[in-house]
Protein backbone atom coordinates (compact mmCIF):
# COMPACT_ATOMS: atom_id res chain seq x y z
CA MET A 1 27.98 -93.79 35.94
CA ALA A 2 29.12 -91.31 33.38
CA ALA A 3 29.60 -94.05 30.76
CA LYS A 4 26.16 -95.25 31.39
CA ALA A 5 24.67 -91.77 30.95
CA ALA A 6 26.60 -91.34 27.67
CA SER A 7 25.15 -94.44 25.98
CA SER A 8 21.57 -94.38 27.36
CA ALA A 9 18.85 -94.48 24.75
CA PRO A 10 16.93 -91.21 24.47
CA PHE A 11 13.21 -90.91 24.15
CA LEU A 12 13.45 -90.20 20.32
CA GLN A 13 13.80 -93.97 19.63
CA SER A 14 10.01 -93.82 19.46
CA ARG A 15 8.48 -93.76 16.00
CA ALA A 16 6.05 -91.09 17.08
CA ALA A 17 6.63 -87.74 15.48
CA ALA A 18 9.23 -85.72 17.45
CA THR A 19 9.36 -81.98 17.25
CA ALA A 20 11.74 -81.30 20.08
CA PHE A 21 14.17 -83.01 22.48
CA ASP A 22 15.56 -82.63 25.89
CA THR A 23 19.25 -81.60 25.65
CA ALA A 24 19.74 -83.01 29.15
CA ILE A 25 20.11 -86.43 27.64
CA PHE A 26 23.58 -85.43 26.45
CA ASN A 27 24.80 -84.43 29.93
CA ALA A 28 27.62 -86.59 31.25
CA THR A 29 30.57 -86.32 33.56
CA ARG A 30 33.98 -87.80 32.68
CA GLU A 31 36.83 -88.53 35.12
CA VAL A 32 40.35 -89.14 33.99
CA VAL A 33 43.84 -89.53 35.52
CA ALA A 34 45.86 -86.24 35.48
CA LEU A 35 49.62 -85.72 35.98
CA ARG A 36 50.66 -82.65 37.95
CA VAL A 37 53.39 -81.35 35.75
CA PRO A 38 55.81 -78.31 36.23
CA VAL A 39 54.85 -75.68 33.60
CA LYS A 40 58.41 -75.79 32.17
CA ARG A 41 58.23 -79.54 31.66
CA CYS A 42 54.83 -79.66 29.88
CA ALA A 43 56.36 -79.84 26.35
CA ALA A 44 58.57 -82.68 27.34
CA PHE A 45 55.71 -84.62 28.90
CA MET A 46 53.51 -83.95 25.73
CA LYS A 47 56.25 -85.43 23.58
CA SER A 48 57.09 -88.43 25.71
CA LEU A 49 53.44 -89.35 26.38
CA GLN A 50 52.02 -89.13 22.89
CA GLY A 51 49.32 -91.80 22.43
CA CYS A 52 48.60 -91.77 26.18
CA LEU A 53 46.91 -88.39 26.37
CA LEU A 54 43.20 -87.49 26.40
CA ASN A 55 42.09 -87.20 22.82
CA TYR A 56 38.69 -85.48 22.82
CA PRO A 57 37.78 -83.30 19.82
CA ARG A 58 37.73 -79.63 20.78
CA MET A 59 39.21 -80.31 24.23
CA ARG A 60 42.66 -79.34 25.52
CA ASN A 61 44.69 -82.02 27.45
CA ILE A 62 46.61 -79.44 29.46
CA VAL A 63 44.40 -77.49 31.94
CA THR A 64 44.86 -75.16 34.87
CA ASP A 65 45.85 -76.86 38.16
CA GLU A 66 43.50 -75.26 40.68
CA ALA A 67 45.50 -76.64 43.50
CA SER A 68 48.67 -74.76 42.51
CA ALA A 69 48.86 -71.63 44.54
CA ASP A 70 51.77 -70.15 42.59
CA ASN A 71 50.63 -71.53 39.11
CA SER A 72 53.89 -73.48 38.80
CA THR A 73 52.23 -76.72 37.59
CA LYS A 74 49.56 -77.73 35.13
CA LEU A 75 47.40 -80.83 34.85
CA LEU A 76 48.18 -83.14 32.01
CA LEU A 77 45.10 -85.29 31.17
CA LEU A 78 45.70 -88.92 30.35
CA SER A 79 43.54 -91.07 28.10
CA ASP A 80 40.18 -92.01 29.41
CA LYS A 81 41.19 -95.60 28.63
CA LEU A 82 43.75 -95.45 31.62
CA LYS A 83 42.21 -95.94 35.07
CA ASP A 84 45.59 -95.42 36.89
CA VAL A 85 49.09 -94.33 36.16
CA SER A 86 50.15 -97.89 36.66
CA GLU A 87 48.36 -98.75 33.39
CA LEU A 88 50.84 -96.65 31.29
CA PRO A 89 53.10 -98.55 28.90
CA GLU A 90 56.46 -99.44 30.34
CA ALA A 91 58.47 -96.70 28.68
CA GLU A 92 56.04 -93.99 29.52
CA ALA A 93 55.67 -95.27 33.10
CA GLN A 94 59.44 -95.07 33.57
CA PHE A 95 59.53 -91.55 32.23
CA VAL A 96 56.73 -90.43 34.61
CA SER A 97 58.52 -92.22 37.57
CA ALA A 98 61.86 -90.59 36.73
CA GLU A 99 60.19 -87.18 36.63
CA GLY A 100 58.80 -87.68 40.08
CA VAL A 101 55.51 -85.92 39.35
CA GLY A 102 52.19 -86.61 41.27
CA ASN A 103 48.89 -87.54 39.87
CA THR A 104 45.29 -86.84 40.65
CA LYS A 105 41.76 -87.33 39.28
CA PHE A 106 40.27 -84.62 37.07
CA SER A 107 36.48 -84.43 36.25
CA PHE A 108 34.79 -82.49 33.46
CA ASP A 109 31.31 -82.21 32.18
CA LEU A 110 29.89 -82.75 28.62
CA ASP A 111 26.60 -81.49 27.33
CA TYR A 112 24.69 -80.98 24.13
CA THR A 113 26.98 -78.00 23.17
CA TYR A 114 30.04 -80.26 23.00
CA TYR A 115 28.80 -82.81 20.46
CA GLY A 116 28.83 -82.42 16.69
CA ALA A 117 25.87 -83.04 14.52
CA ASP A 118 26.76 -86.60 13.62
CA GLU A 119 27.18 -87.52 17.24
CA CYS A 120 23.82 -85.92 18.08
CA PHE A 121 22.04 -87.84 15.34
CA LYS A 122 23.49 -91.18 16.64
CA LYS A 123 21.90 -90.41 19.97
CA LEU A 124 18.65 -88.92 18.74
CA LEU A 125 17.69 -91.16 15.84
CA PRO A 126 16.81 -94.83 15.79
CA ALA A 127 19.66 -97.13 14.82
CA ASP A 128 17.92 -98.06 11.51
CA ILE A 129 17.47 -94.46 10.42
CA GLU A 130 20.44 -93.10 8.48
CA ALA A 131 21.29 -89.52 9.34
CA PRO A 132 21.25 -86.87 6.57
CA ALA A 133 24.74 -87.11 4.95
CA SER A 134 24.89 -83.54 3.76
CA PHE A 135 22.88 -80.43 2.88
CA GLU A 136 23.13 -77.44 0.54
CA THR A 137 23.97 -74.07 2.11
CA ILE A 138 22.50 -70.95 0.46
CA GLY A 139 23.59 -67.92 2.55
CA HIS A 140 22.07 -68.44 6.01
CA VAL A 141 19.67 -71.23 4.74
CA ALA A 142 20.45 -74.93 5.10
CA HIS A 143 18.49 -76.84 2.35
CA LEU A 144 17.72 -80.57 2.98
CA ASN A 145 16.17 -83.22 0.85
CA LEU A 146 14.92 -85.61 3.52
CA ARG A 147 13.69 -89.07 2.90
CA ASP A 148 10.35 -90.41 3.88
CA SER A 149 11.92 -92.30 6.76
CA HIS A 150 13.10 -88.98 8.22
CA GLU A 151 9.57 -87.58 8.38
CA PRO A 152 8.78 -88.26 12.04
CA PHE A 153 12.13 -86.69 13.00
CA LYS A 154 12.52 -83.87 10.58
CA HIS A 155 12.06 -81.00 13.03
CA VAL A 156 14.68 -82.64 15.41
CA ILE A 157 17.12 -83.04 12.44
CA GLY A 158 16.47 -79.35 11.48
CA GLN A 159 17.17 -78.16 15.04
CA VAL A 160 20.34 -80.06 15.31
CA ILE A 161 21.63 -78.61 11.99
CA LEU A 162 20.64 -75.19 13.12
CA ASP A 163 22.41 -75.52 16.44
CA LYS A 164 25.57 -77.17 15.05
CA ASN A 165 26.37 -74.97 12.02
CA ARG A 166 27.60 -71.47 12.61
CA GLY A 167 25.95 -69.01 10.22
CA ILE A 168 22.77 -71.12 9.62
CA ARG A 169 19.60 -69.23 10.70
CA THR A 170 16.97 -71.20 8.64
CA VAL A 171 16.69 -74.89 7.86
CA VAL A 172 14.29 -75.93 5.12
CA ASN A 173 13.21 -79.26 3.64
CA LYS A 174 12.38 -79.67 -0.10
CA LEU A 175 8.89 -80.92 -0.72
CA GLY A 176 8.49 -82.84 -3.99
CA SER A 177 10.51 -82.18 -7.11
CA ILE A 178 11.26 -79.24 -9.25
CA ALA A 179 8.24 -79.32 -11.62
CA SER A 180 7.24 -75.64 -11.88
CA GLU A 181 7.68 -73.42 -14.90
CA PHE A 182 10.21 -71.26 -13.02
CA ARG A 183 12.23 -74.17 -11.54
CA THR A 184 11.14 -73.35 -7.99
CA PHE A 185 9.90 -75.88 -5.52
CA GLU A 186 7.79 -76.03 -2.39
CA MET A 187 9.64 -76.19 0.85
CA GLU A 188 8.91 -76.26 4.61
CA VAL A 189 10.83 -74.55 7.46
CA LEU A 190 12.09 -77.15 9.92
CA ALA A 191 13.97 -74.83 12.29
CA GLY A 192 15.00 -71.24 12.77
CA VAL A 193 13.44 -68.09 11.30
CA ASP A 194 11.31 -68.13 8.23
CA ASP A 195 13.64 -65.84 6.15
CA MET A 196 14.41 -66.77 2.60
CA ASP A 197 16.16 -63.44 1.64
CA VAL A 198 19.70 -64.63 1.26
CA GLU A 199 23.19 -63.33 0.25
CA VAL A 200 25.59 -65.70 -1.50
CA LYS A 201 29.21 -65.00 -2.44
CA GLU A 202 30.48 -66.84 -5.56
CA SER A 203 33.27 -66.21 -8.06
CA LYS A 204 34.11 -62.89 -6.43
CA SER A 205 30.50 -61.80 -6.98
CA VAL A 206 27.76 -61.22 -4.56
CA PHE A 207 24.19 -62.44 -5.24
CA LYS A 208 21.12 -61.41 -3.29
CA PHE A 209 17.79 -63.09 -3.87
CA ASN A 210 14.83 -64.84 -2.21
CA PHE A 211 15.55 -68.52 -2.23
CA ALA A 212 11.75 -69.44 -2.36
CA GLU A 213 11.28 -67.28 -5.49
CA VAL A 214 13.99 -68.46 -7.84
CA TYR A 215 16.20 -71.37 -8.69
CA TRP A 216 19.61 -71.57 -7.10
CA ASN A 217 22.02 -74.53 -6.56
CA SER A 218 25.19 -73.85 -4.57
CA ARG A 219 26.53 -77.28 -5.63
CA LEU A 220 26.98 -75.78 -9.10
CA GLN A 221 29.63 -73.30 -8.02
CA GLN A 222 32.52 -75.07 -9.51
CA GLU A 223 30.63 -75.58 -12.71
CA HIS A 224 29.82 -71.95 -13.03
CA GLY A 225 33.49 -71.16 -12.67
CA ARG A 226 34.49 -73.94 -15.08
CA LEU A 227 32.40 -72.66 -17.91
CA VAL A 228 33.15 -68.91 -17.42
CA ALA A 229 36.85 -69.77 -17.49
CA LYS A 230 36.38 -70.95 -21.08
CA PHE A 231 35.15 -67.45 -22.14
CA SER A 232 37.43 -64.67 -23.25
CA ASN A 233 36.76 -61.02 -22.64
CA LYS A 234 35.97 -60.72 -26.40
CA ASP A 235 33.15 -63.23 -26.27
CA VAL A 236 29.45 -62.25 -26.63
CA ILE A 237 27.33 -64.55 -24.41
CA CYS A 238 23.73 -65.66 -25.06
CA ASP A 239 22.54 -66.94 -21.65
CA MET A 240 19.11 -68.37 -22.50
CA PHE A 241 18.15 -69.60 -18.98
CA CYS A 242 20.23 -67.32 -16.82
CA GLY A 243 18.41 -67.42 -13.42
CA ILE A 244 19.74 -64.65 -11.23
CA GLY A 245 23.06 -64.54 -13.04
CA PRO A 246 25.53 -67.23 -11.79
CA PHE A 247 27.09 -67.43 -15.30
CA ALA A 248 26.13 -63.93 -16.52
CA VAL A 249 27.46 -61.77 -13.69
CA PRO A 250 30.92 -63.48 -13.54
CA ALA A 251 31.23 -63.35 -17.29
CA GLY A 252 30.41 -59.74 -17.15
CA ARG A 253 33.13 -59.14 -14.53
CA LYS A 254 35.56 -60.90 -16.88
CA GLY A 255 34.76 -58.38 -19.58
CA CYS A 256 32.41 -60.46 -21.82
CA THR A 257 29.39 -58.86 -23.40
CA VAL A 258 26.43 -60.85 -22.02
CA HIS A 259 22.83 -61.05 -23.09
CA ALA A 260 21.00 -62.82 -20.20
CA ASN A 261 17.43 -64.00 -20.16
CA ASP A 262 15.09 -65.73 -17.77
CA LEU A 263 11.40 -66.42 -18.01
CA ASN A 264 10.80 -66.03 -14.28
CA PRO A 265 9.93 -62.27 -13.56
CA ARG A 266 11.52 -62.68 -10.02
CA SER A 267 14.74 -64.12 -11.44
CA TYR A 268 14.84 -61.13 -13.92
CA HIS A 269 14.26 -58.85 -10.93
CA TYR A 270 17.30 -60.22 -9.00
CA LEU A 271 19.35 -60.53 -12.14
CA VAL A 272 19.01 -56.71 -12.71
CA SER A 273 19.75 -55.86 -9.13
CA ASN A 274 22.72 -58.33 -8.96
CA CYS A 275 24.25 -56.77 -12.04
CA LYS A 276 24.01 -53.26 -10.53
CA ALA A 277 25.45 -54.56 -7.20
CA ASN A 278 28.33 -56.15 -8.94
CA LYS A 279 28.87 -53.08 -11.31
CA VAL A 280 28.37 -55.12 -14.52
CA GLU A 281 25.23 -53.37 -15.75
CA ASP A 282 27.14 -51.99 -18.72
CA LYS A 283 28.28 -55.46 -19.70
CA VAL A 284 25.06 -57.45 -19.09
CA THR A 285 21.78 -56.73 -20.87
CA CYS A 286 18.85 -58.37 -19.07
CA TYR A 287 15.77 -59.97 -20.62
CA ASN A 288 12.49 -61.42 -19.26
CA LEU A 289 11.27 -63.48 -22.21
CA ASP A 290 10.58 -66.97 -23.30
CA ALA A 291 13.89 -68.55 -24.39
CA ARG A 292 12.74 -69.01 -27.97
CA ALA A 293 11.54 -65.43 -28.28
CA PHE A 294 14.88 -64.32 -26.69
CA LEU A 295 16.95 -66.03 -29.25
CA ALA A 296 14.82 -64.81 -32.08
CA GLN A 297 15.19 -61.20 -30.74
CA LEU A 298 18.96 -61.42 -30.61
CA VAL A 299 19.15 -62.68 -34.14
CA ALA A 300 16.69 -60.03 -35.39
CA ASP A 301 18.77 -57.30 -33.58
CA ASN A 302 21.95 -58.67 -35.29
CA VAL A 303 23.59 -59.56 -32.06
CA ALA A 304 26.54 -61.76 -33.05
CA PHE A 305 26.94 -63.93 -30.02
CA THR A 306 29.88 -66.36 -29.84
CA GLN A 307 28.80 -68.56 -26.92
CA VAL A 308 25.36 -69.94 -25.97
CA CYS A 309 24.70 -71.16 -22.40
CA MET A 310 21.66 -73.38 -21.95
CA ASN A 311 21.46 -74.12 -18.26
CA LEU A 312 18.07 -75.81 -17.93
CA PRO A 313 19.03 -79.50 -17.57
CA MET A 314 15.49 -80.75 -17.56
CA ASP A 315 14.53 -79.26 -21.02
CA ALA A 316 17.51 -77.60 -22.67
CA VAL A 317 18.13 -80.40 -25.09
CA GLU A 318 14.60 -80.05 -26.51
CA PHE A 319 15.19 -76.33 -26.89
CA CYS A 320 18.04 -76.90 -29.32
CA ASP A 321 15.59 -77.04 -32.18
CA VAL A 322 15.36 -73.29 -31.84
CA PHE A 323 18.62 -72.95 -33.74
CA ARG A 324 17.23 -74.54 -36.92
CA GLY A 325 17.45 -72.30 -39.93
CA ARG A 326 17.88 -69.13 -37.82
CA PHE A 327 21.26 -67.93 -39.12
CA ASP A 328 21.18 -67.42 -42.77
CA SER A 329 21.81 -63.73 -42.22
CA TRP A 330 24.98 -64.65 -40.33
CA HIS A 331 26.33 -66.58 -43.30
CA ALA A 332 25.69 -63.67 -45.63
CA ARG A 333 27.57 -61.36 -43.31
CA GLY A 334 30.43 -63.85 -42.76
CA ILE A 335 29.77 -64.29 -39.01
CA ALA A 336 31.07 -67.50 -37.47
CA LEU A 337 28.41 -69.70 -35.77
CA PRO A 338 28.46 -69.84 -31.91
CA THR A 339 29.64 -72.59 -29.57
CA VAL A 340 26.64 -74.09 -27.60
CA HIS A 341 26.95 -75.31 -23.95
CA CYS A 342 23.82 -77.43 -23.25
CA TYR A 343 23.18 -78.84 -19.77
CA CYS A 344 21.02 -81.95 -19.44
CA PHE A 345 20.36 -85.01 -17.33
CA SER A 346 20.92 -88.66 -18.37
CA MET A 347 19.58 -91.77 -16.65
CA LYS A 348 22.07 -94.19 -18.23
CA GLU A 349 24.25 -96.31 -15.93
CA ASP A 350 27.79 -95.37 -17.18
CA PHE A 351 29.49 -92.37 -18.79
CA GLY A 352 29.63 -94.15 -22.14
CA GLY A 353 25.88 -94.82 -22.14
CA CYS A 354 25.28 -91.26 -21.01
CA LYS A 355 27.43 -89.89 -23.76
CA GLU A 356 25.52 -91.75 -26.43
CA ASP A 357 22.17 -90.83 -24.92
CA VAL A 358 22.96 -87.14 -24.70
CA LEU A 359 24.53 -86.83 -28.25
CA THR A 360 21.63 -88.79 -29.76
CA ARG A 361 19.02 -86.49 -28.17
CA VAL A 362 20.93 -83.28 -29.06
CA GLU A 363 21.33 -84.48 -32.72
CA LYS A 364 17.59 -85.18 -32.94
CA ALA A 365 16.73 -81.69 -31.64
CA LEU A 366 19.22 -79.99 -33.89
CA GLY A 367 17.96 -81.99 -36.90
CA CYS A 368 21.44 -83.04 -38.07
CA PRO A 369 24.49 -84.97 -36.97
CA LEU A 370 27.22 -83.38 -34.88
CA ASP A 371 30.87 -83.67 -35.86
CA ARG A 372 31.60 -85.61 -32.74
CA SER A 373 35.35 -84.85 -33.01
CA THR A 374 34.43 -81.29 -32.04
CA VAL A 375 32.16 -82.19 -29.12
CA THR A 376 33.04 -82.00 -25.46
CA LEU A 377 30.98 -83.80 -22.88
CA PHE A 378 31.63 -82.98 -19.15
CA GLN A 379 30.05 -84.79 -16.21
CA VAL A 380 28.90 -81.96 -13.86
CA ARG A 381 27.71 -84.08 -10.86
CA ASP A 382 25.74 -87.11 -9.66
CA VAL A 383 22.19 -85.83 -9.02
CA ALA A 384 20.88 -89.22 -7.81
CA PRO A 385 21.60 -92.93 -8.31
CA LYS A 386 21.73 -93.44 -12.19
CA LYS A 387 21.02 -89.78 -12.86
CA LEU A 388 23.90 -87.62 -14.04
CA MET A 389 24.01 -83.93 -14.86
CA MET A 390 26.03 -83.37 -18.06
CA CYS A 391 27.30 -80.39 -20.11
CA VAL A 392 27.62 -81.01 -23.87
CA SER A 393 29.57 -78.22 -25.76
CA PHE A 394 29.65 -78.13 -29.49
CA PRO A 395 30.08 -75.74 -32.45
CA LEU A 396 26.60 -75.06 -33.80
CA PRO A 397 26.45 -77.15 -37.05
CA PRO A 398 25.84 -75.23 -40.32
CA ALA A 399 23.34 -77.95 -41.25
CA CYS A 400 21.18 -76.86 -38.38
CA ALA A 401 21.85 -73.18 -38.27
CA TYR A 402 21.09 -72.47 -41.98
CA THR A 403 18.17 -73.32 -44.25
CA ASP A 404 18.82 -76.12 -46.71
CA SER A 405 20.07 -74.04 -49.62
CA VAL A 406 22.35 -71.89 -47.37
CA ALA A 407 23.62 -74.95 -45.58
CA ALA A 408 24.48 -76.52 -48.99
CA GLU A 409 26.18 -73.29 -50.12
CA ALA A 410 28.14 -73.27 -46.75
CA ALA A 411 29.09 -76.91 -47.11
CA ALA A 412 30.26 -76.48 -50.67
CA ALA A 413 32.31 -73.43 -49.76
CA ALA A 414 33.92 -75.31 -46.81
CA ALA A 415 34.59 -78.36 -49.01
CA ALA A 416 36.04 -76.20 -51.76
CA ALA A 417 38.35 -74.58 -49.17
CA ALA A 418 39.37 -78.05 -48.02
CA GLY A 419 40.00 -79.31 -51.55
CA GLY A 420 36.80 -80.94 -52.77
CA GLY A 421 33.76 -83.02 -51.72
CA GLY A 422 31.33 -80.18 -51.65
CA ALA A 423 28.41 -82.00 -53.18
CA THR A 424 28.73 -84.85 -50.72
CA ALA A 425 28.85 -82.63 -47.65
CA ALA A 426 25.89 -80.64 -48.89
CA ASP A 427 23.87 -83.70 -49.63
CA GLY A 428 24.70 -85.15 -46.18
CA ALA A 429 23.66 -81.96 -44.41
CA LYS A 430 20.29 -81.87 -46.26
CA ARG A 431 19.74 -85.62 -45.63
CA GLY A 432 20.31 -85.15 -41.83
CA ARG A 433 17.90 -82.29 -41.73
CA ASP A 434 15.22 -84.17 -43.76
CA GLU A 435 15.53 -87.20 -41.39
CA ALA A 436 15.05 -85.05 -38.37
CA GLU A 437 12.04 -83.27 -39.89
CA GLU A 438 10.43 -86.68 -40.52
CA ALA A 439 11.03 -87.66 -36.78
CA ALA A 440 9.78 -84.39 -35.41
CA PRO A 441 7.38 -82.79 -38.00
CA ASP A 442 6.10 -80.11 -35.52
CA ALA A 443 9.59 -78.95 -34.47
CA LYS A 444 9.87 -76.03 -36.89
CA LYS A 445 6.40 -74.78 -35.86
CA SER A 446 7.28 -74.97 -32.18
CA ALA A 447 10.58 -73.24 -32.83
CA THR A 448 8.76 -70.22 -34.18
CA GLU A 449 6.34 -69.83 -31.35
CA ALA A 450 7.57 -67.42 -28.72
CA THR A 451 5.79 -66.28 -25.61
CA THR A 452 7.02 -63.09 -23.99
CA ALA A 453 6.71 -62.96 -20.20
CA LYS A 454 6.01 -59.78 -18.32
CA ALA A 455 8.99 -57.71 -17.47
């Protein structure tokens, strides 16, 4: 009877929208054979009967013998595949016989609290509906990206995730894609409390923010750490799309001087508060500007940044035109050009195709070719089938950073230092810029237009 109860099909097999379920459908009673073993012999029995013992997750196979008045014996539970001691393999049966122990039946109850989420989904969802494979955790919030086929069962899915994951108090489902100016998205609460104020610990830093108001992706934790590990405490960081500070705050903790900017006023708000909470407000200067205006301001203020972080995968490549002709004053002062770390997506099928796609797009935005021997391309993660998130890192080319005359001068100086070929290098730099200008005649105009957001 217990086996029948365990496998019976629940009412959620219906395609009608389900918002709740009766946990009684998980109730079942199991009965197994138990050996009555002297306490001092339990270890020997466990060793000799390996493979023949009850093997249920989160359940012990040695339990109290309620019939033992002096607590001298315990019950050792055998596998539920064995209906009687006589079904033990020969060697194990001989051991039990030699020990002269008795046996009995032991019953135990299972209910909803025993089963894990995957087991619950198998029982609650139709066989042709694949259960959610994973979800993102942001503090106490579980963030799901459910498929259309999950729609009738979304609240049940949310409730199971809420019940089966300690620390989760809110389960949300993403609606649509990230298409807003501030990288936020609509979501619906599937289960738990409607509370988006979260606290996340990452890279020895603590971040507090409202998940509905800003962009955050916990799956990027390793990437945040990877890039910050490349910085030295002498670096000056220009973080153009900083969000609430997942790069800026750890970099500040490392001792870097950081200039961090985000267009979203709420991201700026949490950036400021997180810098204070992590005691890096003296290392991180916060801005609430359009990224183009932000870079222009840093250059105008003679901030000699050494690293540029562009974590806006959807659009960062197109923003690379902001570097064109901005740095003539740096050349005059002998300041080295920065290294740029630009995040982007690529829809190509393999890494080789992604590499060529990304570098071609970056070169078009910069208006000149890259020295590809100096470029690093890192695959951050698979976002979706045939969609990779990449990080391309490269020294900002002089042919992009300087106006034509200064680029030619810099190329000639570099060639002279290397032993000749200056005219060829200068001509190549100018030719690359001219070709890019023909491909994108409005790029320079857009690069000079900056919109300052409210602080």
